Amino acid sequence: QVQLVESGGGLVQAGGSLRLSCAASGRTFSNYAMGWFRQAPGKEREFVAAIRRSGGGTLYADSVKGRFTISRDTAKNTVSLQLNSLKPADTAVYYCAAGPYDSISSREYNYWGQGTQVTVSS
């Protein structure tokens, strides 16, 4: 089992920044690729970003490319998502997830956090 706890969400104005963190505990953190997904009210959960187990490769959704940055700190068992140039369309609950591969599909992830709310006002 892997336990994931997100933090760092909040209310920010359009154009602002936030940094989300996900703390992992349980099994060896370096054995898992990590992903961030988000879900807005009335919409399906969608892929945001992912990072390989080694941290050497990343994936981004087109909608966030160039604005968001995913990173991981193996020593601290954390994965972070830096959100810059935020837009109202980024408003959603953001979830971190752990799985064997860095995938854009939520089905590839075995463990999920409880989510953290990000609200971007116009």
Protein backbone atom coordinates (compact mmCIF):
# COMPACT_ATOMS: atom_id res chain seq x y z
CA GLN A 1 0.00 0.00 0.00
CA VAL A 2 0.99 3.57 -0.69
CA GLN A 3 -0.61 6.45 1.13
CA LEU A 4 -0.74 9.81 -0.64
CA VAL A 5 -1.60 13.15 0.93
CA GLU A 6 -1.89 16.31 -1.15
CA SER A 7 -1.50 19.85 0.11
CA GLY A 8 -1.04 23.36 -1.21
CA GLY A 9 -4.36 24.06 -2.85
CA GLY A 10 -6.22 27.31 -2.38
CA LEU A 11 -7.80 30.37 -3.94
CA VAL A 12 -5.73 32.45 -6.33
CA GLN A 13 -6.41 35.13 -8.90
CA ALA A 14 -5.96 34.50 -12.60
CA GLY A 15 -2.31 34.82 -13.56
CA GLY A 16 -1.16 33.72 -10.12
CA SER A 17 0.75 30.67 -8.97
CA LEU A 18 0.38 27.77 -6.57
CA ARG A 19 2.57 24.85 -5.62
CA LEU A 20 0.91 21.54 -4.85
CA SER A 21 2.72 18.84 -2.92
CA CYS A 22 1.98 15.16 -2.46
CA ALA A 23 3.60 13.25 0.38
CA ALA A 24 3.92 9.51 -0.07
CA SER A 25 4.33 6.86 2.60
CA GLY A 26 4.25 3.10 2.66
CA ARG A 27 6.08 1.23 -0.05
CA THR A 28 9.26 2.44 -1.71
CA PHE A 29 8.49 5.75 -3.36
CA SER A 30 11.09 5.31 -6.08
CA ASN A 31 9.27 2.20 -7.34
CA TYR A 32 6.37 4.30 -8.57
CA ALA A 33 5.70 6.73 -11.34
CA MET A 34 3.66 9.65 -10.09
CA GLY A 35 0.86 11.53 -11.76
CA TRP A 36 -1.38 14.52 -11.18
CA PHE A 37 -4.99 14.54 -12.34
CA ARG A 38 -7.78 17.03 -11.84
CA GLN A 39 -11.55 17.00 -11.81
CA ALA A 40 -13.75 20.02 -12.24
CA PRO A 41 -17.43 20.03 -11.18
CA GLY A 42 -19.55 18.11 -13.65
CA LYS A 43 -16.53 16.92 -15.62
CA GLU A 44 -14.54 13.73 -15.79
CA ARG A 45 -11.16 13.39 -14.15
CA GLU A 46 -8.43 14.43 -16.56
CA PHE A 47 -4.70 13.95 -16.80
CA VAL A 48 -2.46 16.89 -15.91
CA ALA A 49 1.14 15.67 -15.59
CA ALA A 50 3.23 12.61 -14.81
CA ILE A 51 6.83 11.84 -13.93
CA ARG A 52 8.77 8.62 -14.29
CA ARG A 53 10.04 6.56 -11.41
CA SER A 54 13.55 7.85 -12.07
CA GLY A 55 12.33 11.41 -12.48
CA GLY A 56 14.04 11.49 -15.85
CA GLY A 57 10.94 11.89 -17.96
CA THR A 58 7.76 13.91 -17.72
CA LEU A 59 4.43 14.11 -19.51
CA TYR A 60 2.03 17.05 -19.63
CA ALA A 61 -1.45 17.66 -20.90
CA ASP A 62 -1.47 20.17 -23.74
CA SER A 63 -3.65 22.50 -21.70
CA VAL A 64 -0.96 22.94 -19.03
CA LYS A 65 2.24 22.56 -21.02
CA GLY A 66 4.54 25.50 -20.42
CA ARG A 67 2.62 26.61 -17.32
CA PHE A 68 2.82 23.63 -14.96
CA THR A 69 5.94 21.74 -13.84
CA ILE A 70 6.01 18.36 -12.13
CA SER A 71 8.98 17.28 -10.03
CA ARG A 72 9.81 14.67 -7.44
CA ASP A 73 12.13 14.50 -4.45
CA THR A 74 12.98 10.89 -3.71
CA ALA A 75 14.77 11.75 -0.48
CA LYS A 76 11.62 13.40 0.87
CA ASN A 77 9.13 11.02 -0.79
CA THR A 78 7.27 13.91 -2.34
CA VAL A 79 6.03 14.93 -5.76
CA SER A 80 5.20 18.53 -6.51
CA LEU A 81 3.25 20.39 -9.15
CA GLN A 82 4.12 24.03 -9.75
CA LEU A 83 1.16 25.86 -11.26
CA ASN A 84 1.95 29.17 -12.97
CA SER A 85 -0.11 31.56 -15.07
CA LEU A 86 -3.28 30.07 -13.65
CA LYS A 87 -6.57 30.44 -15.46
CA PRO A 88 -10.14 30.07 -14.22
CA ALA A 89 -10.32 26.92 -16.37
CA ASP A 90 -7.70 25.37 -14.06
CA THR A 91 -10.21 25.36 -11.20
CA ALA A 92 -10.62 21.76 -10.04
CA VAL A 93 -9.79 19.27 -7.35
CA TYR A 94 -6.25 18.07 -7.98
CA TYR A 95 -5.28 14.49 -7.18
CA CYS A 96 -1.90 12.84 -7.06
CA ALA A 97 -1.56 9.19 -7.96
CA ALA A 98 1.06 6.44 -7.94
CA GLY A 99 1.46 3.61 -10.41
CA PRO A 100 3.99 1.44 -12.20
CA TYR A 101 4.21 3.63 -15.31
CA ASP A 102 4.08 7.31 -16.19
CA SER A 103 0.80 7.21 -18.05
CA ILE A 104 -1.85 9.71 -19.08
CA SER A 105 -4.52 7.14 -18.23
CA SER A 106 -5.95 7.12 -14.74
CA ARG A 107 -6.45 3.36 -15.06
CA GLU A 108 -2.69 2.84 -14.84
CA TYR A 109 -2.50 4.28 -11.33
CA ASN A 110 -3.12 2.11 -8.31
CA TYR A 111 -3.06 4.61 -5.46
CA TRP A 112 -4.74 7.98 -5.10
CA GLY A 113 -4.73 10.83 -2.66
CA GLN A 114 -7.85 12.55 -1.35
CA GLY A 115 -7.39 15.64 -3.50
CA THR A 116 -6.79 19.33 -2.91
CA GLN A 117 -8.99 22.14 -4.20
CA VAL A 118 -7.58 24.78 -6.54
CA THR A 119 -9.82 27.73 -7.31
CA VAL A 120 -8.77 30.42 -9.76
CA SER A 121 -10.83 33.61 -9.78
CA SER A 122 -11.11 35.88 -12.81
